Amino acid sequence: MNKVLLIDDDVDLLDVLESALAYFGFEVKTSSYTDDIHALVTIHQPDLVIIDYIMNGINGGEMCSMLKKKDSTKKIPVIILSAY
């Protein structure tokens, strides 16, 4: 597992997480917003998705649910973060 997709609307937090994961050898792609989680996953082919729970518009729980409902993405591990 070396490709991580980070989705968070806090750009500062994205930068910190991206730097930390890259330091440990992960290939990291970030997005501050998406209305189509499947498109991002198709483009980046991550081994792990890390999603903020509280975001503008669709929340991380809904995004996770979308990934888990589709056969092509249901086995991708998802971590949901929250500062809540």
N, C-alpha and C. Protein backbone atom coordinates (compact mmCIF):
# COMPACT_ATOMS: atom_id res chain seq x y z
N MET A 1 0.86 -1.18 0.00
CA MET A 1 0.00 0.00 0.00
C MET A 1 0.90 1.23 0.00
N ASN A 2 0.90 1.95 -1.11
CA ASN A 2 1.75 3.14 -1.14
C ASN A 2 1.09 4.37 -1.75
N LYS A 3 -0.11 4.25 -2.28
CA LYS A 3 -0.81 5.40 -2.87
C LYS A 3 -1.98 5.80 -1.99
N VAL A 4 -1.96 7.06 -1.54
CA VAL A 4 -2.99 7.56 -0.64
C VAL A 4 -3.70 8.74 -1.28
N LEU A 5 -5.02 8.76 -1.19
CA LEU A 5 -5.83 9.89 -1.63
C LEU A 5 -6.37 10.58 -0.39
N LEU A 6 -6.03 11.86 -0.20
CA LEU A 6 -6.50 12.66 0.94
C LEU A 6 -7.56 13.64 0.46
N ILE A 7 -8.69 13.67 1.15
CA ILE A 7 -9.75 14.63 0.81
C ILE A 7 -10.13 15.38 2.08
N ASP A 8 -9.91 16.69 2.06
CA ASP A 8 -10.22 17.53 3.22
C ASP A 8 -10.39 18.96 2.74
N ASP A 9 -11.35 19.68 3.30
CA ASP A 9 -11.56 21.06 2.87
C ASP A 9 -10.64 22.05 3.60
N ASP A 10 -9.84 21.55 4.53
CA ASP A 10 -8.86 22.39 5.24
C ASP A 10 -7.51 22.22 4.54
N VAL A 11 -7.14 23.20 3.73
CA VAL A 11 -5.92 23.08 2.92
C VAL A 11 -4.66 23.00 3.77
N ASP A 12 -4.66 23.66 4.92
CA ASP A 12 -3.49 23.58 5.79
C ASP A 12 -3.30 22.16 6.32
N LEU A 13 -4.38 21.52 6.72
CA LEU A 13 -4.32 20.15 7.20
C LEU A 13 -3.88 19.21 6.08
N LEU A 14 -4.39 19.45 4.87
CA LEU A 14 -3.96 18.64 3.71
C LEU A 14 -2.45 18.72 3.54
N ASP A 15 -1.90 19.93 3.65
CA ASP A 15 -0.46 20.11 3.48
C ASP A 15 0.33 19.34 4.53
N VAL A 16 -0.12 19.40 5.78
CA VAL A 16 0.57 18.70 6.87
C VAL A 16 0.51 17.20 6.67
N LEU A 17 -0.69 16.68 6.39
CA LEU A 17 -0.85 15.24 6.19
C LEU A 17 -0.07 14.76 4.96
N GLU A 18 -0.11 15.54 3.89
CA GLU A 18 0.62 15.16 2.68
C GLU A 18 2.12 15.08 2.96
N SER A 19 2.66 16.07 3.67
CA SER A 19 4.08 16.09 4.00
C SER A 19 4.46 14.90 4.88
N ALA A 20 3.64 14.63 5.88
CA ALA A 20 3.93 13.52 6.80
C ALA A 20 3.91 12.18 6.07
N LEU A 21 2.91 11.96 5.24
CA LEU A 21 2.81 10.69 4.52
C LEU A 21 3.90 10.56 3.46
N ALA A 22 4.23 11.64 2.79
CA ALA A 22 5.29 11.61 1.78
C ALA A 22 6.64 11.31 2.45
N TYR A 23 6.85 11.86 3.64
CA TYR A 23 8.08 11.60 4.39
C TYR A 23 8.28 10.10 4.61
N PHE A 24 7.20 9.38 4.82
CA PHE A 24 7.27 7.95 5.07
C PHE A 24 7.16 7.12 3.79
N GLY A 25 7.26 7.78 2.64
CA GLY A 25 7.35 7.06 1.39
C GLY A 25 6.05 6.82 0.63
N PHE A 26 4.97 7.43 1.08
CA PHE A 26 3.70 7.26 0.39
C PHE A 26 3.59 8.24 -0.77
N GLU A 27 2.96 7.80 -1.85
CA GLU A 27 2.62 8.67 -2.96
C GLU A 27 1.25 9.26 -2.62
N VAL A 28 1.18 10.57 -2.47
CA VAL A 28 -0.02 11.22 -1.95
C VAL A 28 -0.64 12.14 -2.99
N LYS A 29 -1.95 11.99 -3.18
CA LYS A 29 -2.73 12.91 -4.01
C LYS A 29 -3.75 13.56 -3.07
N THR A 30 -4.00 14.84 -3.28
CA THR A 30 -4.93 15.55 -2.40
C THR A 30 -6.05 16.22 -3.19
N SER A 31 -7.14 16.44 -2.48
CA SER A 31 -8.26 17.19 -3.05
C SER A 31 -8.96 17.92 -1.90
N SER A 32 -9.26 19.20 -2.11
CA SER A 32 -9.95 19.95 -1.06
C SER A 32 -11.47 19.83 -1.18
N TYR A 33 -11.93 19.28 -2.29
CA TYR A 33 -13.37 19.07 -2.46
C TYR A 33 -13.58 18.13 -3.64
N THR A 34 -14.63 17.35 -3.55
CA THR A 34 -15.05 16.57 -4.71
C THR A 34 -16.55 16.35 -4.65
N ASP A 35 -17.18 16.41 -5.78
CA ASP A 35 -18.59 16.02 -5.85
C ASP A 35 -18.70 14.67 -6.54
N ASP A 36 -17.54 14.11 -6.91
CA ASP A 36 -17.54 12.79 -7.55
C ASP A 36 -16.34 11.98 -7.06
N ILE A 37 -16.53 11.30 -5.95
CA ILE A 37 -15.48 10.50 -5.33
C ILE A 37 -15.00 9.40 -6.26
N HIS A 38 -15.91 8.82 -7.03
CA HIS A 38 -15.52 7.75 -7.94
C HIS A 38 -14.56 8.23 -9.03
N ALA A 39 -14.76 9.44 -9.51
CA ALA A 39 -13.86 9.99 -10.53
C ALA A 39 -12.45 10.16 -9.96
N LEU A 40 -12.35 10.69 -8.73
CA LEU A 40 -11.04 10.85 -8.11
C LEU A 40 -10.34 9.52 -7.91
N VAL A 41 -11.08 8.54 -7.46
CA VAL A 41 -10.50 7.22 -7.23
C VAL A 41 -10.08 6.57 -8.55
N THR A 42 -10.88 6.75 -9.58
CA THR A 42 -10.54 6.20 -10.89
C THR A 42 -9.27 6.84 -11.44
N ILE A 43 -9.14 8.14 -11.27
CA ILE A 43 -7.97 8.86 -11.77
C ILE A 43 -6.70 8.47 -11.00
N HIS A 44 -6.78 8.44 -9.68
CA HIS A 44 -5.59 8.28 -8.84
C HIS A 44 -5.29 6.83 -8.43
N GLN A 45 -6.28 5.94 -8.51
CA GLN A 45 -6.08 4.52 -8.15
C GLN A 45 -5.40 4.35 -6.79
N PRO A 46 -5.97 4.93 -5.72
CA PRO A 46 -5.30 4.85 -4.41
C PRO A 46 -5.45 3.47 -3.77
N ASP A 47 -4.49 3.17 -2.88
CA ASP A 47 -4.56 1.97 -2.06
C ASP A 47 -5.30 2.26 -0.75
N LEU A 48 -5.40 3.54 -0.41
CA LEU A 48 -6.06 3.99 0.81
C LEU A 48 -6.66 5.36 0.56
N VAL A 49 -7.85 5.61 1.11
CA VAL A 49 -8.49 6.93 1.01
C VAL A 49 -8.66 7.45 2.43
N ILE A 50 -8.23 8.69 2.65
CA ILE A 50 -8.42 9.36 3.94
C ILE A 50 -9.32 10.56 3.68
N ILE A 51 -10.46 10.60 4.38
CA ILE A 51 -11.48 11.63 4.13
C ILE A 51 -11.83 12.35 5.43
N ASP A 52 -11.93 13.66 5.35
CA ASP A 52 -12.44 14.45 6.47
C ASP A 52 -13.93 14.16 6.60
N TYR A 53 -14.43 14.06 7.83
CA TYR A 53 -15.85 13.75 8.00
C TYR A 53 -16.72 14.99 7.77
N ILE A 54 -16.35 16.11 8.38
CA ILE A 54 -17.16 17.32 8.27
C ILE A 54 -16.58 18.19 7.15
N MET A 55 -17.32 18.27 6.05
CA MET A 55 -16.90 19.09 4.91
C MET A 55 -18.10 19.86 4.38
N ASN A 56 -17.83 20.87 3.57
CA ASN A 56 -18.93 21.58 2.92
C ASN A 56 -19.56 20.66 1.88
N GLY A 57 -20.87 20.64 1.82
CA GLY A 57 -21.55 19.76 0.87
C GLY A 57 -21.61 18.34 1.42
N ILE A 58 -21.20 17.38 0.63
CA ILE A 58 -21.25 15.97 1.02
C ILE A 58 -20.20 15.70 2.11
N ASN A 59 -20.57 14.91 3.12
CA ASN A 59 -19.60 14.64 4.18
C ASN A 59 -18.83 13.35 3.92
N GLY A 60 -17.79 13.14 4.70
CA GLY A 60 -16.92 11.99 4.52
C GLY A 60 -17.63 10.65 4.68
N GLY A 61 -18.63 10.59 5.56
CA GLY A 61 -19.40 9.36 5.74
C GLY A 61 -20.16 8.98 4.48
N GLU A 62 -20.72 9.99 3.83
CA GLU A 62 -21.45 9.75 2.58
C GLU A 62 -20.51 9.31 1.47
N MET A 63 -19.32 9.93 1.42
CA MET A 63 -18.34 9.54 0.42
C MET A 63 -17.90 8.09 0.63
N CYS A 64 -17.66 7.74 1.88
CA CYS A 64 -17.26 6.37 2.21
C CYS A 64 -18.35 5.40 1.78
N SER A 65 -19.58 5.73 2.08
CA SER A 65 -20.70 4.88 1.71
C SER A 65 -20.77 4.67 0.20
N MET A 66 -20.52 5.74 -0.56
CA MET A 66 -20.52 5.64 -2.02
C MET A 66 -19.44 4.66 -2.50
N LEU A 67 -18.26 4.76 -1.90
CA LEU A 67 -17.17 3.87 -2.29
C LEU A 67 -17.48 2.41 -1.96
N LYS A 68 -18.09 2.19 -0.82
CA LYS A 68 -18.35 0.82 -0.36
C LYS A 68 -19.51 0.16 -1.11
N LYS A 69 -20.34 0.94 -1.79
CA LYS A 69 -21.47 0.39 -2.54
C LYS A 69 -21.09 -0.09 -3.94
N LYS A 70 -19.96 0.36 -4.44
CA LYS A 70 -19.56 0.02 -5.81
C LYS A 70 -18.52 -1.11 -5.78
N ASP A 71 -18.75 -2.16 -6.56
CA ASP A 71 -17.86 -3.32 -6.56
C ASP A 71 -16.40 -2.96 -6.83
N SER A 72 -16.16 -2.02 -7.72
CA SER A 72 -14.79 -1.68 -8.10
C SER A 72 -14.02 -0.92 -7.03
N THR A 73 -14.74 -0.35 -6.03
CA THR A 73 -14.06 0.44 -5.00
C THR A 73 -14.33 -0.03 -3.57
N LYS A 74 -15.17 -1.02 -3.40
CA LYS A 74 -15.58 -1.41 -2.04
C LYS A 74 -14.47 -1.99 -1.19
N LYS A 75 -13.39 -2.47 -1.80
CA LYS A 75 -12.31 -3.07 -1.01
C LYS A 75 -11.20 -2.09 -0.67
N ILE A 76 -11.32 -0.86 -1.12
CA ILE A 76 -10.32 0.15 -0.79
C ILE A 76 -10.53 0.59 0.67
N PRO A 77 -9.50 0.49 1.50
CA PRO A 77 -9.66 0.94 2.89
C PRO A 77 -9.90 2.45 2.94
N VAL A 78 -10.75 2.85 3.88
CA VAL A 78 -11.08 4.28 4.06
C VAL A 78 -10.88 4.63 5.53
N ILE A 79 -10.17 5.74 5.76
CA ILE A 79 -10.04 6.30 7.11
C ILE A 79 -10.79 7.61 7.10
N ILE A 80 -11.66 7.80 8.07
CA ILE A 80 -12.40 9.06 8.18
C ILE A 80 -11.81 9.85 9.36
N LEU A 81 -11.37 11.07 9.06
CA LEU A 81 -10.80 11.96 10.07
C LEU A 81 -11.83 12.97 10.54
N SER A 82 -11.69 13.43 11.77
CA SER A 82 -12.56 14.50 12.23
C SER A 82 -11.90 15.25 13.37
N ALA A 83 -11.97 16.54 13.32
CA ALA A 83 -11.53 17.37 14.44
C ALA A 83 -12.71 17.68 15.34
N TYR A 84 -13.88 17.15 14.97
CA TYR A 84 -15.12 17.42 15.69
C TYR A 84 -15.08 16.88 17.07
